[in-house]
Protein backbone atom coordinates (compact mmCIF):
# COMPACT_ATOMS: atom_id res chain seq x y z
CA UNK A 1 119.18 124.15 97.01
CA UNK A 2 119.18 126.35 93.77
CA UNK A 3 115.95 127.63 92.51
CA UNK A 4 116.55 124.91 89.25
CA UNK A 5 116.36 121.87 91.66
CA UNK A 6 113.81 122.95 93.55
CA UNK A 7 111.98 123.22 89.71
CA UNK A 8 112.83 119.84 89.09
CA UNK A 9 112.01 118.41 92.23
CA UNK A 10 108.10 120.32 91.73
CA UNK A 11 107.94 119.02 88.18
CA UNK A 12 109.07 115.16 89.65
CA UNK A 13 106.23 115.17 91.98
CA UNK A 14 103.48 116.48 89.98
CA UNK A 15 104.21 113.50 87.11
CA UNK A 16 104.49 111.13 90.22
CA UNK A 17 101.01 112.63 91.30
CA UNK A 18 99.70 112.68 87.58
CA UNK A 19 100.65 108.97 87.26
CA UNK A 20 99.81 107.91 90.55
CA UNK A 21 96.08 108.97 89.96
CA UNK A 22 95.59 107.51 86.65
CA UNK A 23 96.86 104.16 87.25
CA UNK A 24 95.81 104.40 90.76
CA UNK A 25 92.57 105.05 89.24
CA UNK A 26 89.41 102.78 90.29
CA UNK A 27 88.53 102.89 86.20
CA UNK A 28 92.10 101.42 86.26
CA UNK A 29 91.90 98.85 88.47
CA UNK A 30 89.01 97.35 86.78
CA UNK A 31 90.49 97.85 83.24
CA UNK A 32 93.81 95.78 84.23
CA UNK A 33 91.55 92.96 85.85
CA UNK A 34 89.27 92.36 83.07
CA UNK A 35 92.99 92.28 81.29
CA UNK A 36 93.91 89.43 83.35
CA UNK A 37 91.20 87.83 82.71
CA UNK A 38 91.70 87.99 79.44
CA UNK A 39 94.70 87.07 78.38
CA UNK A 40 93.91 83.27 79.51
CA UNK A 41 90.83 83.21 78.61
CA UNK A 42 91.84 83.76 74.58
CA UNK A 43 95.14 81.26 75.38
CA UNK A 44 92.64 78.96 77.19
CA UNK A 45 90.95 79.10 73.79
CA UNK A 46 93.40 78.62 71.52
CA UNK A 47 94.12 74.97 72.56
CA UNK A 48 90.93 73.94 72.92
CA UNK A 49 90.49 74.85 69.08
CA UNK A 50 94.48 73.28 67.94
CA UNK A 51 92.87 70.26 70.07
CA UNK A 52 89.77 70.28 68.38
CA UNK A 53 91.69 70.75 64.62
CA UNK A 54 94.13 67.83 66.16
CA UNK A 55 91.16 65.40 66.50
CA UNK A 56 88.90 66.05 63.15
CA UNK A 57 89.62 62.91 61.01
CA UNK A 58 91.71 62.66 57.53
CA UNK A 59 95.61 63.77 57.14
CA UNK A 60 95.73 67.49 56.13
CA UNK A 61 99.35 66.18 54.21
CA UNK A 62 97.43 63.65 51.82
CA UNK A 63 94.67 66.70 50.97
CA UNK A 64 97.46 68.62 50.44
CA UNK A 65 99.74 66.09 47.96
CA UNK A 66 96.99 64.64 46.20
CA UNK A 67 94.93 61.00 46.67
CA UNK A 68 97.07 59.60 43.79
CA UNK A 69 99.83 60.69 45.57
CA UNK A 70 102.96 57.95 46.94
CA UNK A 71 103.59 57.75 50.72
CA UNK A 72 106.76 59.28 49.64
CA UNK A 73 105.19 62.20 48.68
CA UNK A 74 102.48 62.61 51.60
CA UNK A 75 105.38 62.51 53.91
CA UNK A 76 107.19 65.24 52.08
CA UNK A 77 104.31 67.17 52.42
CA UNK A 78 103.83 66.43 55.66
CA UNK A 79 107.53 67.63 57.10
CA UNK A 80 106.99 70.51 55.19
CA UNK A 81 103.67 71.58 56.93
CA UNK A 82 105.77 70.06 60.45
CA UNK A 83 103.31 68.03 60.73
CA UNK A 84 105.86 65.27 61.68
CA UNK A 85 106.11 67.07 65.26
CA UNK A 86 104.59 66.55 68.37
CA UNK A 87 101.46 68.40 68.88
CA UNK A 88 102.25 70.80 71.87
CA UNK A 89 105.92 71.18 69.56
CA UNK A 90 103.35 72.50 66.45
CA UNK A 91 100.92 74.75 68.93
CA UNK A 92 104.31 76.63 71.24
CA UNK A 93 105.74 77.20 67.86
CA UNK A 94 102.50 78.77 66.50
CA UNK A 95 102.35 80.19 69.57
CA UNK A 96 105.53 82.44 69.28
CA UNK A 97 104.79 82.57 65.84
CA UNK A 98 101.14 84.88 66.83
CA UNK A 99 103.23 86.79 70.00
CA UNK A 100 106.11 87.81 67.11
CA UNK A 101 103.62 88.49 64.32
CA UNK A 102 104.44 85.96 62.44
CA UNK A 103 101.06 84.30 61.62
CA UNK A 104 102.49 81.22 59.27
CA UNK A 105 101.00 80.21 56.27
CA UNK A 106 98.16 78.73 54.22
CA UNK A 107 98.84 74.78 54.05
CA UNK A 108 96.46 75.22 51.12
CA UNK A 109 97.38 78.21 49.10
CA UNK A 110 100.56 79.32 50.53
CA UNK A 111 99.83 82.46 51.22
CA UNK A 112 100.89 83.97 54.05
CA UNK A 113 98.13 83.93 56.66
CA UNK A 114 99.05 87.34 57.25
CA UNK A 115 98.40 88.65 53.87
CA UNK A 116 95.24 86.31 54.18
CA UNK A 117 93.63 88.83 56.86
CA UNK A 118 94.41 91.80 55.67
CA UNK A 119 92.64 91.67 52.45
CA UNK A 120 89.41 89.40 54.56
CA UNK A 121 89.25 91.25 58.06
CA UNK A 122 87.86 94.30 56.51
CA UNK A 123 85.04 92.66 54.76
CA UNK A 124 83.78 90.93 58.09
CA UNK A 125 84.56 94.56 59.66
CA UNK A 126 81.98 96.46 57.52
CA UNK A 127 79.59 94.32 57.48
CA UNK A 128 79.42 93.91 61.39
CA UNK A 129 79.91 97.80 61.88
CA UNK A 130 76.61 98.78 59.60
CA UNK A 131 74.68 95.91 60.51
CA UNK A 132 75.67 96.85 64.75
CA UNK A 133 74.74 100.64 62.97
CA UNK A 134 71.44 100.07 61.00
CA UNK A 135 69.93 97.35 64.10
CA UNK A 136 69.86 100.55 66.57
CA UNK A 137 69.11 102.89 64.56
CA UNK A 138 65.52 100.43 64.09
CA UNK A 139 65.31 99.58 67.31
CA UNK A 140 65.77 102.66 68.94
CA UNK A 141 62.93 104.76 67.35
CA UNK A 142 60.97 102.48 67.54
CA UNK A 143 60.93 101.32 70.46
CA UNK A 144 61.00 104.21 71.69
CA UNK A 145 57.61 104.91 69.80
CA UNK A 146 56.08 101.61 71.10
CA UNK A 147 56.38 102.40 74.66
CA UNK A 148 55.34 106.24 74.27
CA UNK A 149 51.92 104.18 74.36
CA UNK A 150 52.03 100.64 75.49
CA UNK A 151 49.20 98.13 74.44
CA UNK A 152 48.76 100.71 71.64
CA UNK A 153 48.49 100.15 67.59
CA UNK A 154 51.77 100.84 66.75
CA UNK A 155 53.00 98.73 70.07
CA UNK A 156 51.13 95.70 69.14
CA UNK A 157 52.15 96.21 65.54
CA UNK A 158 55.77 96.45 66.63
CA UNK A 159 55.47 93.45 68.54
CA UNK A 160 54.03 90.95 66.25
CA UNK A 161 56.35 92.01 63.25
CA UNK A 162 59.40 91.53 65.80
CA UNK A 163 57.78 88.26 66.99
CA UNK A 164 57.57 87.11 63.23
CA UNK A 165 60.63 88.42 62.42
CA UNK A 166 63.27 86.70 64.91
CA UNK A 167 61.43 83.03 64.69
CA UNK A 168 62.59 83.00 61.40
CA UNK A 169 66.73 82.24 61.12
CA UNK A 170 69.15 85.13 59.09
CA UNK A 171 69.64 82.69 56.31
CA UNK A 172 66.28 82.51 55.77
CA UNK A 173 66.15 86.38 55.79
CA UNK A 174 68.91 86.01 53.49
CA UNK A 175 67.27 83.95 50.95
CA UNK A 176 63.88 86.05 51.57
CA UNK A 177 65.47 89.21 50.61
CA UNK A 178 67.51 88.24 47.69
CA UNK A 179 64.15 87.05 46.40
CA UNK A 180 62.11 90.38 46.98
CA UNK A 181 65.82 92.76 46.69
CA UNK A 182 67.67 90.93 43.83
CA UNK A 183 64.65 88.66 41.40
CA UNK A 184 62.05 90.71 41.86
CA UNK A 185 63.00 93.66 41.87
CA UNK A 186 65.76 93.39 40.91
CA UNK A 187 67.28 96.43 42.61
CA UNK A 188 70.64 94.96 44.45
CA UNK A 189 72.82 92.74 43.63
CA UNK A 190 71.89 89.05 44.94
CA UNK A 191 75.60 88.47 45.02
CA UNK A 192 79.16 89.74 44.91
CA UNK A 193 81.72 92.64 46.92
CA UNK A 194 82.63 95.65 46.10
CA UNK A 195 85.79 97.55 47.98
CA UNK A 196 85.19 100.97 48.92
CA UNK A 197 88.08 101.77 46.69
CA UNK A 198 85.98 101.33 43.77
CA UNK A 199 83.00 103.40 44.84
CA UNK A 200 81.69 104.13 48.05
CA UNK A 201 77.96 103.96 45.84
CA UNK A 202 79.04 100.37 44.78
CA UNK A 203 80.35 99.55 48.08
CA UNK A 204 77.21 100.02 49.61
CA UNK A 205 74.61 98.24 47.69
CA UNK A 206 76.80 95.55 47.39
CA UNK A 207 76.19 95.16 50.96
CA UNK A 208 72.54 96.20 51.45
CA UNK A 209 71.24 93.11 51.84
CA UNK A 210 73.63 91.26 54.05
CA UNK A 211 73.82 93.96 56.64
CA UNK A 212 70.06 93.60 56.43
CA UNK A 213 69.74 90.04 56.90
CA UNK A 214 72.17 90.93 59.81
CA UNK A 215 70.83 93.68 61.22
CA UNK A 216 67.06 93.14 60.83
CA UNK A 217 66.71 90.35 63.55
CA UNK A 218 68.97 92.43 65.88
CA UNK A 219 66.62 95.29 65.42
CA UNK A 220 63.44 93.46 67.03
CA UNK A 221 66.04 91.45 69.30
CA UNK A 222 67.01 95.40 70.59
CA UNK A 223 63.27 96.78 69.68
CA UNK A 224 61.83 94.17 72.04
CA UNK A 225 64.28 94.42 74.95
CA UNK A 226 64.93 98.45 74.79
CA UNK A 227 60.41 98.72 74.24
CA UNK A 228 60.16 96.54 77.69
CA UNK A 229 62.94 98.56 80.33
CA UNK A 230 61.31 101.69 78.60
CA UNK A 231 58.02 100.66 79.26
CA UNK A 232 59.16 99.49 83.43
CA UNK A 233 61.16 102.66 83.93
CA UNK A 234 57.84 104.86 83.10
CA UNK A 235 55.27 102.71 85.03
CA UNK A 236 57.60 102.38 88.11
CA UNK A 237 61.11 105.11 88.16
CA UNK A 238 60.76 108.06 90.82
CA UNK A 239 62.47 110.39 89.51
CA UNK A 240 60.06 109.68 86.58
CA UNK A 241 57.24 110.50 88.62
CA UNK A 242 59.10 113.84 89.96
CA UNK A 243 59.85 115.27 86.01
CA UNK A 244 55.83 114.50 85.45
CA UNK A 245 55.45 116.81 88.15
CA UNK A 246 58.06 119.25 87.43
CA UNK A 247 55.50 119.57 84.55
CA UNK A 248 58.05 118.16 82.06
CA UNK A 249 56.85 116.82 78.82
CA UNK A 250 56.04 113.08 77.97
CA UNK A 251 58.71 113.03 75.36
CA UNK A 252 61.18 114.64 77.26
CA UNK A 253 60.47 112.02 80.06
CA UNK A 254 60.73 108.94 78.06
CA UNK A 255 64.01 110.65 75.50
CA UNK A 256 65.90 112.06 78.73
CA UNK A 257 65.08 110.64 81.89
CA UNK A 258 63.60 106.88 80.48
CA UNK A 259 66.53 106.59 77.74
CA UNK A 260 68.87 107.17 79.82
CA UNK A 261 68.71 104.71 81.79
CA UNK A 262 67.73 101.73 79.89
CA UNK A 263 70.47 102.68 77.83
CA UNK A 264 72.28 100.35 79.89
CA UNK A 265 70.93 97.48 79.41
CA UNK A 266 70.89 97.81 75.49
CA UNK A 267 74.62 98.42 76.07
CA UNK A 268 74.73 95.25 77.57
CA UNK A 269 72.92 93.64 75.11
CA UNK A 270 75.28 95.11 72.98
CA UNK A 271 78.61 93.66 73.80
CA UNK A 272 77.02 90.37 74.84
CA UNK A 273 75.93 90.34 70.63
CA UNK A 274 79.23 90.85 68.90
CA UNK A 275 80.49 87.32 69.42
CA UNK A 276 77.46 86.07 67.74
CA UNK A 277 76.71 88.71 65.26
CA UNK A 278 80.72 88.20 64.39
CA UNK A 279 80.22 84.88 64.46
CA UNK A 280 76.36 84.95 62.04
CA UNK A 281 79.01 86.43 59.06
CA UNK A 282 80.36 82.80 58.54
CA UNK A 283 76.86 81.97 57.31
CA UNK A 284 76.04 85.51 55.63
CA UNK A 285 78.87 85.50 53.50
CA UNK A 286 78.72 82.10 52.25
CA UNK A 287 75.21 82.67 50.86
CA UNK A 288 76.32 86.32 49.47
CA UNK A 289 79.51 85.16 48.01
CA UNK A 290 80.99 87.96 50.49
CA UNK A 291 85.42 87.65 50.66
CA UNK A 292 84.81 87.63 54.44
CA UNK A 293 86.65 85.92 57.22
CA UNK A 294 83.97 83.80 57.83
CA UNK A 295 83.80 82.33 54.57
CA UNK A 296 87.68 82.04 55.13
CA UNK A 297 87.68 80.42 58.25
CA UNK A 298 84.75 77.88 56.93
CA UNK A 299 87.13 76.60 53.62
CA UNK A 300 89.97 76.39 56.34
CA UNK A 301 87.75 74.14 58.57
CA UNK A 302 86.49 72.01 55.04
CA UNK A 303 90.36 71.40 54.28
CA UNK A 304 92.07 71.28 57.49
CA UNK A 305 93.91 74.74 57.11
CA UNK A 306 95.84 74.69 60.99
CA UNK A 307 96.42 77.69 60.77
CA UNK A 308 94.11 80.28 59.27
CA UNK A 309 91.42 78.42 61.02
CA UNK A 310 93.28 78.82 64.03
CA UNK A 311 93.79 82.67 63.88
CA UNK A 312 90.17 82.80 62.77
CA UNK A 313 88.45 81.99 65.33
CA UNK A 314 91.14 83.44 68.03
CA UNK A 315 89.92 86.69 66.13
CA UNK A 316 86.32 86.31 66.83
CA UNK A 317 86.71 85.29 70.43
CA UNK A 318 89.59 88.41 71.00
CA UNK A 319 86.43 90.41 70.10
CA UNK A 320 83.76 89.37 72.32
CA UNK A 321 86.01 89.08 74.84
CA UNK A 322 86.68 93.01 73.58
CA UNK A 323 83.33 93.27 73.23
CA UNK A 324 82.73 93.10 76.76
CA UNK A 325 86.05 94.83 78.22
CA UNK A 326 84.69 97.68 76.27
CA UNK A 327 81.44 97.45 77.85
CA UNK A 328 82.97 96.85 81.54
CA UNK A 329 84.63 100.13 81.15
CA UNK A 330 82.16 102.17 79.34
CA UNK A 331 79.86 101.09 82.37
CA UNK A 332 82.58 102.49 84.50
CA UNK A 333 82.52 105.52 82.40
CA UNK A 334 78.80 105.72 82.67
CA UNK A 335 78.19 105.08 86.72
CA UNK A 336 80.95 105.83 89.24
CA UNK A 337 78.88 103.41 91.12
CA UNK A 338 80.46 100.42 89.07
CA UNK A 339 84.30 101.98 88.84
CA UNK A 340 84.04 102.32 92.58
CA UNK A 341 82.31 99.23 93.71
CA UNK A 342 84.62 97.18 91.79
CA UNK A 343 87.47 97.46 94.16
């Protein structure tokens, strides 16, 4: 065997060894199993949504043609919309189009669904991401300060405020924020959305109230959970007692030891709340006149725009499933026991 052949053989063995480590690792197998579960779940959700839309009373063709249209005109619109075909055929057509990137057209506006999503999805994504950032930025320091002295004045104030705000629905919270900051103080706009390209400051001012309406109840929930878990860790965990015995300062015990373990529970909550938070944007976007995905879906439901509603609900479901997949992967990355115990 020549030197060149030997070198090529060594490189091939190294490449195969690397691929074996990657695709044979416990983490990769864990991700693969979660993906295999997610695909049929999303398929079942799409079938369920399509069936529910079919069961809604009313005739989309009649709505599109107008109440004064003749039966011949309505029938022509029905053929144009494809409603004259069997439901199974229409669903399979949608599924093939989704896989190939053709999401169809809105039966109301005539625009392609892809172009509608291109303008609506960034608004909803911005609201959801900022709401998570704000909620965690509030919840984590508040929970740490409250857990520092359980039963103290600050802890009791936090518990009372969080319980009160948790009892307030997000749409009521939105109206209260509008009353205080837009009507009384005149500090922020009540409705409307300014794109980022028109100015970052104006954009942040336009989304502040809807983000707060989403983030405040979430922050209260996170703060209560994290505070309770931190107190439990501080009172019962052996590693906390060991750290105290070594002379570690109380704040270091709280932050570096107790919070590190409590963050696993918080991570789970964040993953579970993604779906609910995205769904909550439907109401908040409507109140603040935000041109997001939630408003698009609501308008589609009211007009029985099947193509729009189908993809909107699918996106909401996919985000929830993807969030739980990310949480599982982060668990496995942070804690090897999860990774190897999932074989």
